[in-house]
Amino acid sequence: MKVKIKETGKAEELIIINPETGTEWSDDLIGGTLATSDGQFVWDDEEQIYVSDQENYDWWETYLEEYENAENRKYNMELTEAEEIYINNNIHVEFNDIPSVTEQLLDDIEENRQSKKNVI
């Protein structure tokens, strides 16, 4: 998602790649939160680009990096169906917390695998 920073006028890009498909989906993720309609990102018809202040851009850049890291880790762990269900049943949290909670759930799965208790 291309974004022009208000303070600098510089065009930047917010990117998140789905590890399973290789698809870049920042527009879908950010748009799904209503950030493109609540003032966080304002569409500039003349320049055909979203505009945001630096603080908002930085927050989203960090969030997308954390989200992508968690998704890459999940993908690389080759989860079993039971492990996927465990994550899906426990990920109902605030949007801001999804990456950190996903990481914690993956830690739980790794601990379970190492202990061979197969609680999950």
Foldseek 3Di string as FASTA:
>chain_A
DWEQAPVPRDIDDAWAAQPVPRDTQPCPVCVVVVCDPPPQWDADPVVRHTYHHPVSVVLRNVQRVLQRVLNVVVVVVPDDPVLVVVCVVPQPDDPSCNSVVSVVSVVVVVVCVVVVPPPD
